[in-house]
Amino acid sequence: MSSLGKMLLIMGIVLFLVGGILIIGERFGLGKLPGDIFIQKGNFTFFFPVVSSLIVSLLLTLILNILKKIRSGFYEEDIWYILMYLCICYLILMSMF
């Protein structure tokens, strides 16, 4: 029974963090970027945040890769890989604003 409690606690923390990220991201325009699809006709509304999803995916991939490397130990080529990835993310973000 304790494993179920741990799983529920972790899920609650993850949902809390995702909610916080969404609230903070909304202030920076996440969800309203060029490339996000928004169609409204009468009482029908369709919204699919394509570009926002790509940005969130890139950031989560970067964060999880860094956490994985911290856990297993860094090597010199890993640091260059992370720096290159950060530069790519920066260029993508700057091209949208």
N, C-alpha and C. Protein backbone atom coordinates (compact mmCIF):
# COMPACT_ATOMS: atom_id res chain seq x y z
N MET A 1 0.81 -1.19 0.00
CA MET A 1 0.00 0.00 0.00
C MET A 1 0.85 1.26 0.00
N SER A 2 2.06 1.19 0.54
CA SER A 2 2.91 2.38 0.58
C SER A 2 3.39 2.77 -0.82
N SER A 3 3.52 1.80 -1.72
CA SER A 3 3.95 2.14 -3.08
C SER A 3 2.85 2.92 -3.80
N LEU A 4 1.58 2.62 -3.52
CA LEU A 4 0.49 3.37 -4.11
C LEU A 4 0.49 4.81 -3.60
N GLY A 5 0.77 4.97 -2.32
CA GLY A 5 0.85 6.31 -1.75
C GLY A 5 1.98 7.13 -2.35
N LYS A 6 3.14 6.49 -2.54
CA LYS A 6 4.27 7.20 -3.15
C LYS A 6 3.94 7.61 -4.58
N MET A 7 3.28 6.68 -5.32
CA MET A 7 2.94 6.98 -6.70
C MET A 7 1.95 8.15 -6.77
N LEU A 8 0.95 8.16 -5.88
CA LEU A 8 -0.01 9.27 -5.87
C LEU A 8 0.65 10.58 -5.48
N LEU A 9 1.59 10.53 -4.55
CA LEU A 9 2.31 11.73 -4.15
C LEU A 9 3.15 12.28 -5.30
N ILE A 10 3.84 11.41 -6.00
CA ILE A 10 4.66 11.84 -7.14
C ILE A 10 3.78 12.41 -8.25
N MET A 11 2.64 11.76 -8.51
CA MET A 11 1.73 12.26 -9.54
C MET A 11 1.19 13.64 -9.16
N GLY A 12 0.89 13.84 -7.87
CA GLY A 12 0.42 15.14 -7.41
C GLY A 12 1.48 16.22 -7.59
N ILE A 13 2.72 15.90 -7.27
CA ILE A 13 3.81 16.87 -7.43
C ILE A 13 4.00 17.21 -8.90
N VAL A 14 3.94 16.19 -9.76
CA VAL A 14 4.11 16.42 -11.20
C VAL A 14 2.98 17.31 -11.73
N LEU A 15 1.74 17.03 -11.32
CA LEU A 15 0.62 17.86 -11.76
C LEU A 15 0.75 19.29 -11.26
N PHE A 16 1.24 19.46 -10.03
CA PHE A 16 1.46 20.79 -9.48
C PHE A 16 2.50 21.55 -10.31
N LEU A 17 3.59 20.88 -10.65
CA LEU A 17 4.65 21.52 -11.44
C LEU A 17 4.17 21.86 -12.85
N VAL A 18 3.43 20.95 -13.47
CA VAL A 18 2.93 21.20 -14.82
C VAL A 18 1.96 22.38 -14.80
N GLY A 19 1.09 22.45 -13.80
CA GLY A 19 0.17 23.58 -13.67
C GLY A 19 0.91 24.89 -13.50
N GLY A 20 1.96 24.88 -12.68
CA GLY A 20 2.77 26.09 -12.49
C GLY A 20 3.46 26.51 -13.77
N ILE A 21 3.98 25.54 -14.50
CA ILE A 21 4.64 25.85 -15.77
C ILE A 21 3.65 26.45 -16.77
N LEU A 22 2.44 25.90 -16.80
CA LEU A 22 1.43 26.43 -17.72
C LEU A 22 1.02 27.86 -17.36
N ILE A 23 0.90 28.13 -16.07
CA ILE A 23 0.53 29.48 -15.65
C ILE A 23 1.65 30.46 -15.98
N ILE A 24 2.89 30.09 -15.70
CA ILE A 24 4.02 30.96 -16.00
C ILE A 24 4.21 31.09 -17.51
N GLY A 25 4.06 29.98 -18.24
CA GLY A 25 4.22 30.01 -19.69
C GLY A 25 3.20 30.88 -20.38
N GLU A 26 2.00 30.96 -19.82
CA GLU A 26 0.96 31.80 -20.40
C GLU A 26 1.35 33.27 -20.36
N ARG A 27 2.07 33.66 -19.33
CA ARG A 27 2.53 35.06 -19.23
C ARG A 27 3.55 35.41 -20.31
N PHE A 28 4.30 34.41 -20.79
CA PHE A 28 5.31 34.64 -21.81
C PHE A 28 4.79 34.34 -23.21
N GLY A 29 3.50 34.08 -23.36
CA GLY A 29 2.92 33.87 -24.68
C GLY A 29 2.84 32.42 -25.11
N LEU A 30 3.15 31.49 -24.23
CA LEU A 30 3.07 30.08 -24.58
C LEU A 30 1.61 29.73 -24.83
N GLY A 31 1.31 29.18 -25.98
CA GLY A 31 -0.07 28.90 -26.36
C GLY A 31 -0.63 29.91 -27.33
N LYS A 32 0.09 31.01 -27.54
CA LYS A 32 -0.35 32.05 -28.48
C LYS A 32 0.77 32.40 -29.45
N LEU A 33 1.62 31.43 -29.73
CA LEU A 33 2.74 31.67 -30.63
C LEU A 33 2.32 31.51 -32.08
N PRO A 34 3.06 32.12 -33.01
CA PRO A 34 2.79 31.89 -34.42
C PRO A 34 3.03 30.40 -34.73
N GLY A 35 2.10 29.80 -35.39
CA GLY A 35 2.19 28.37 -35.68
C GLY A 35 1.23 27.55 -34.85
N ASP A 36 0.68 28.13 -33.78
CA ASP A 36 -0.37 27.46 -33.02
C ASP A 36 -1.68 27.59 -33.79
N ILE A 37 -2.40 26.51 -33.93
CA ILE A 37 -3.62 26.49 -34.74
C ILE A 37 -4.83 26.85 -33.87
N PHE A 38 -5.59 27.84 -34.30
CA PHE A 38 -6.80 28.26 -33.59
C PHE A 38 -7.88 28.53 -34.62
N ILE A 39 -8.95 27.71 -34.58
CA ILE A 39 -10.07 27.86 -35.52
C ILE A 39 -11.34 28.04 -34.70
N GLN A 40 -12.10 29.09 -35.02
CA GLN A 40 -13.35 29.33 -34.32
C GLN A 40 -14.43 29.64 -35.34
N LYS A 41 -15.47 28.80 -35.37
CA LYS A 41 -16.61 29.00 -36.27
C LYS A 41 -17.89 28.77 -35.48
N GLY A 42 -18.64 29.80 -35.30
CA GLY A 42 -19.89 29.68 -34.55
C GLY A 42 -19.63 29.25 -33.11
N ASN A 43 -20.23 28.14 -32.71
CA ASN A 43 -20.02 27.65 -31.35
C ASN A 43 -18.98 26.53 -31.30
N PHE A 44 -18.19 26.38 -32.37
CA PHE A 44 -17.14 25.36 -32.44
C PHE A 44 -15.77 26.04 -32.35
N THR A 45 -14.94 25.56 -31.45
CA THR A 45 -13.58 26.09 -31.31
C THR A 45 -12.60 24.94 -31.31
N PHE A 46 -11.55 25.07 -32.14
CA PHE A 46 -10.48 24.07 -32.19
C PHE A 46 -9.16 24.78 -31.96
N PHE A 47 -8.39 24.27 -31.01
CA PHE A 47 -7.10 24.86 -30.68
C PHE A 47 -6.07 23.76 -30.55
N PHE A 48 -4.98 23.86 -31.31
CA PHE A 48 -3.89 22.90 -31.20
C PHE A 48 -2.58 23.67 -31.19
N PRO A 49 -1.89 23.73 -30.04
CA PRO A 49 -0.65 24.52 -29.93
C PRO A 49 0.57 23.76 -30.46
N VAL A 50 0.77 23.78 -31.76
CA VAL A 50 1.85 23.03 -32.39
C VAL A 50 3.21 23.55 -31.93
N VAL A 51 3.46 24.82 -32.10
CA VAL A 51 4.77 25.40 -31.79
C VAL A 51 5.02 25.39 -30.28
N SER A 52 3.98 25.69 -29.51
CA SER A 52 4.13 25.65 -28.05
C SER A 52 4.48 24.24 -27.58
N SER A 53 3.87 23.23 -28.20
CA SER A 53 4.19 21.84 -27.85
C SER A 53 5.64 21.50 -28.18
N LEU A 54 6.12 21.99 -29.31
CA LEU A 54 7.52 21.74 -29.67
C LEU A 54 8.48 22.39 -28.69
N ILE A 55 8.18 23.60 -28.26
CA ILE A 55 9.05 24.29 -27.30
C ILE A 55 9.06 23.57 -25.96
N VAL A 56 7.88 23.17 -25.49
CA VAL A 56 7.81 22.44 -24.21
C VAL A 56 8.55 21.11 -24.33
N SER A 57 8.41 20.44 -25.46
CA SER A 57 9.11 19.17 -25.67
C SER A 57 10.63 19.36 -25.66
N LEU A 58 11.12 20.40 -26.33
CA LEU A 58 12.56 20.67 -26.34
C LEU A 58 13.08 20.97 -24.93
N LEU A 59 12.34 21.79 -24.20
CA LEU A 59 12.79 22.14 -22.85
C LEU A 59 12.77 20.94 -21.91
N LEU A 60 11.72 20.13 -21.99
CA LEU A 60 11.66 18.94 -21.14
C LEU A 60 12.76 17.94 -21.49
N THR A 61 13.03 17.79 -22.78
CA THR A 61 14.12 16.90 -23.20
C THR A 61 15.45 17.38 -22.65
N LEU A 62 15.68 18.67 -22.73
CA LEU A 62 16.92 19.25 -22.20
C LEU A 62 17.03 19.03 -20.70
N ILE A 63 15.98 19.33 -19.97
CA ILE A 63 16.01 19.19 -18.52
C ILE A 63 16.22 17.73 -18.11
N LEU A 64 15.50 16.82 -18.75
CA LEU A 64 15.64 15.40 -18.39
C LEU A 64 17.01 14.86 -18.76
N ASN A 65 17.57 15.31 -19.89
CA ASN A 65 18.93 14.88 -20.26
C ASN A 65 19.96 15.39 -19.25
N ILE A 66 19.80 16.62 -18.81
CA ILE A 66 20.73 17.16 -17.81
C ILE A 66 20.62 16.39 -16.51
N LEU A 67 19.39 16.09 -16.07
CA LEU A 67 19.22 15.31 -14.84
C LEU A 67 19.81 13.91 -14.97
N LYS A 68 19.65 13.31 -16.14
CA LYS A 68 20.22 11.99 -16.38
C LYS A 68 21.75 12.03 -16.33
N LYS A 69 22.33 13.07 -16.92
CA LYS A 69 23.79 13.19 -16.92
C LYS A 69 24.32 13.49 -15.52
N ILE A 70 23.59 14.28 -14.75
CA ILE A 70 24.01 14.57 -13.38
C ILE A 70 24.02 13.28 -12.56
N ARG A 71 23.03 12.46 -12.79
CA ARG A 71 22.92 11.20 -12.04
C ARG A 71 24.02 10.22 -12.41
N SER A 72 24.37 10.15 -13.70
CA SER A 72 25.37 9.17 -14.14
C SER A 72 26.78 9.75 -14.22
N GLY A 73 26.92 11.05 -14.10
CA GLY A 73 28.24 11.68 -14.18
C GLY A 73 28.46 12.30 -15.54
N PHE A 74 29.10 13.45 -15.54
CA PHE A 74 29.37 14.16 -16.79
C PHE A 74 30.68 13.72 -17.40
N TYR A 75 30.71 13.78 -18.71
CA TYR A 75 31.93 13.61 -19.48
C TYR A 75 32.10 14.87 -20.32
N GLU A 76 33.30 15.11 -20.80
CA GLU A 76 33.55 16.35 -21.53
C GLU A 76 32.67 16.48 -22.77
N GLU A 77 32.48 15.40 -23.52
CA GLU A 77 31.66 15.49 -24.72
C GLU A 77 30.18 15.72 -24.39
N ASP A 78 29.74 15.29 -23.21
CA ASP A 78 28.37 15.53 -22.80
C ASP A 78 28.12 17.02 -22.57
N ILE A 79 29.08 17.71 -22.01
CA ILE A 79 28.93 19.14 -21.76
C ILE A 79 28.80 19.90 -23.08
N TRP A 80 29.60 19.52 -24.08
CA TRP A 80 29.50 20.17 -25.39
C TRP A 80 28.15 19.88 -26.04
N TYR A 81 27.66 18.66 -25.87
CA TYR A 81 26.36 18.28 -26.41
C TYR A 81 25.26 19.13 -25.78
N ILE A 82 25.31 19.32 -24.47
CA ILE A 82 24.30 20.12 -23.78
C ILE A 82 24.39 21.59 -24.20
N LEU A 83 25.61 22.12 -24.34
CA LEU A 83 25.76 23.50 -24.79
C LEU A 83 25.22 23.70 -26.20
N MET A 84 25.46 22.75 -27.08
CA MET A 84 24.94 22.83 -28.44
C MET A 84 23.41 22.80 -28.41
N TYR A 85 22.85 21.94 -27.59
CA TYR A 85 21.40 21.84 -27.48
C TYR A 85 20.80 23.13 -26.93
N LEU A 86 21.45 23.75 -25.95
CA LEU A 86 21.00 25.03 -25.41
C LEU A 86 21.01 26.11 -26.48
N CYS A 87 22.05 26.14 -27.30
CA CYS A 87 22.14 27.13 -28.38
C CYS A 87 21.02 26.94 -29.39
N ILE A 88 20.72 25.70 -29.73
CA ILE A 88 19.63 25.43 -30.67
C ILE A 88 18.30 25.89 -30.09
N CYS A 89 18.05 25.58 -28.83
CA CYS A 89 16.81 26.01 -28.17
C CYS A 89 16.73 27.53 -28.15
N TYR A 90 17.83 28.19 -27.86
CA TYR A 90 17.86 29.65 -27.83
C TYR A 90 17.53 30.24 -29.21
N LEU A 91 18.13 29.68 -30.26
CA LEU A 91 17.86 30.18 -31.60
C LEU A 91 16.41 29.97 -32.00
N ILE A 92 15.83 28.84 -31.63
CA ILE A 92 14.43 28.58 -31.95
C ILE A 92 13.53 29.57 -31.22
N LEU A 93 13.80 29.80 -29.95
CA LEU A 93 12.98 30.73 -29.19
C LEU A 93 13.10 32.15 -29.71
N MET A 94 14.31 32.58 -30.06
CA MET A 94 14.51 33.93 -30.54
C MET A 94 13.88 34.13 -31.92
N SER A 95 13.79 33.10 -32.73
CA SER A 95 13.20 33.25 -34.05
C SER A 95 11.69 33.41 -33.98
N MET A 96 11.09 33.06 -32.84
CA MET A 96 9.64 33.16 -32.71
C MET A 96 9.18 34.49 -32.16
N PHE A 97 10.05 35.24 -31.53
CA PHE A 97 9.62 36.49 -30.90
C PHE A 97 10.14 37.66 -31.64
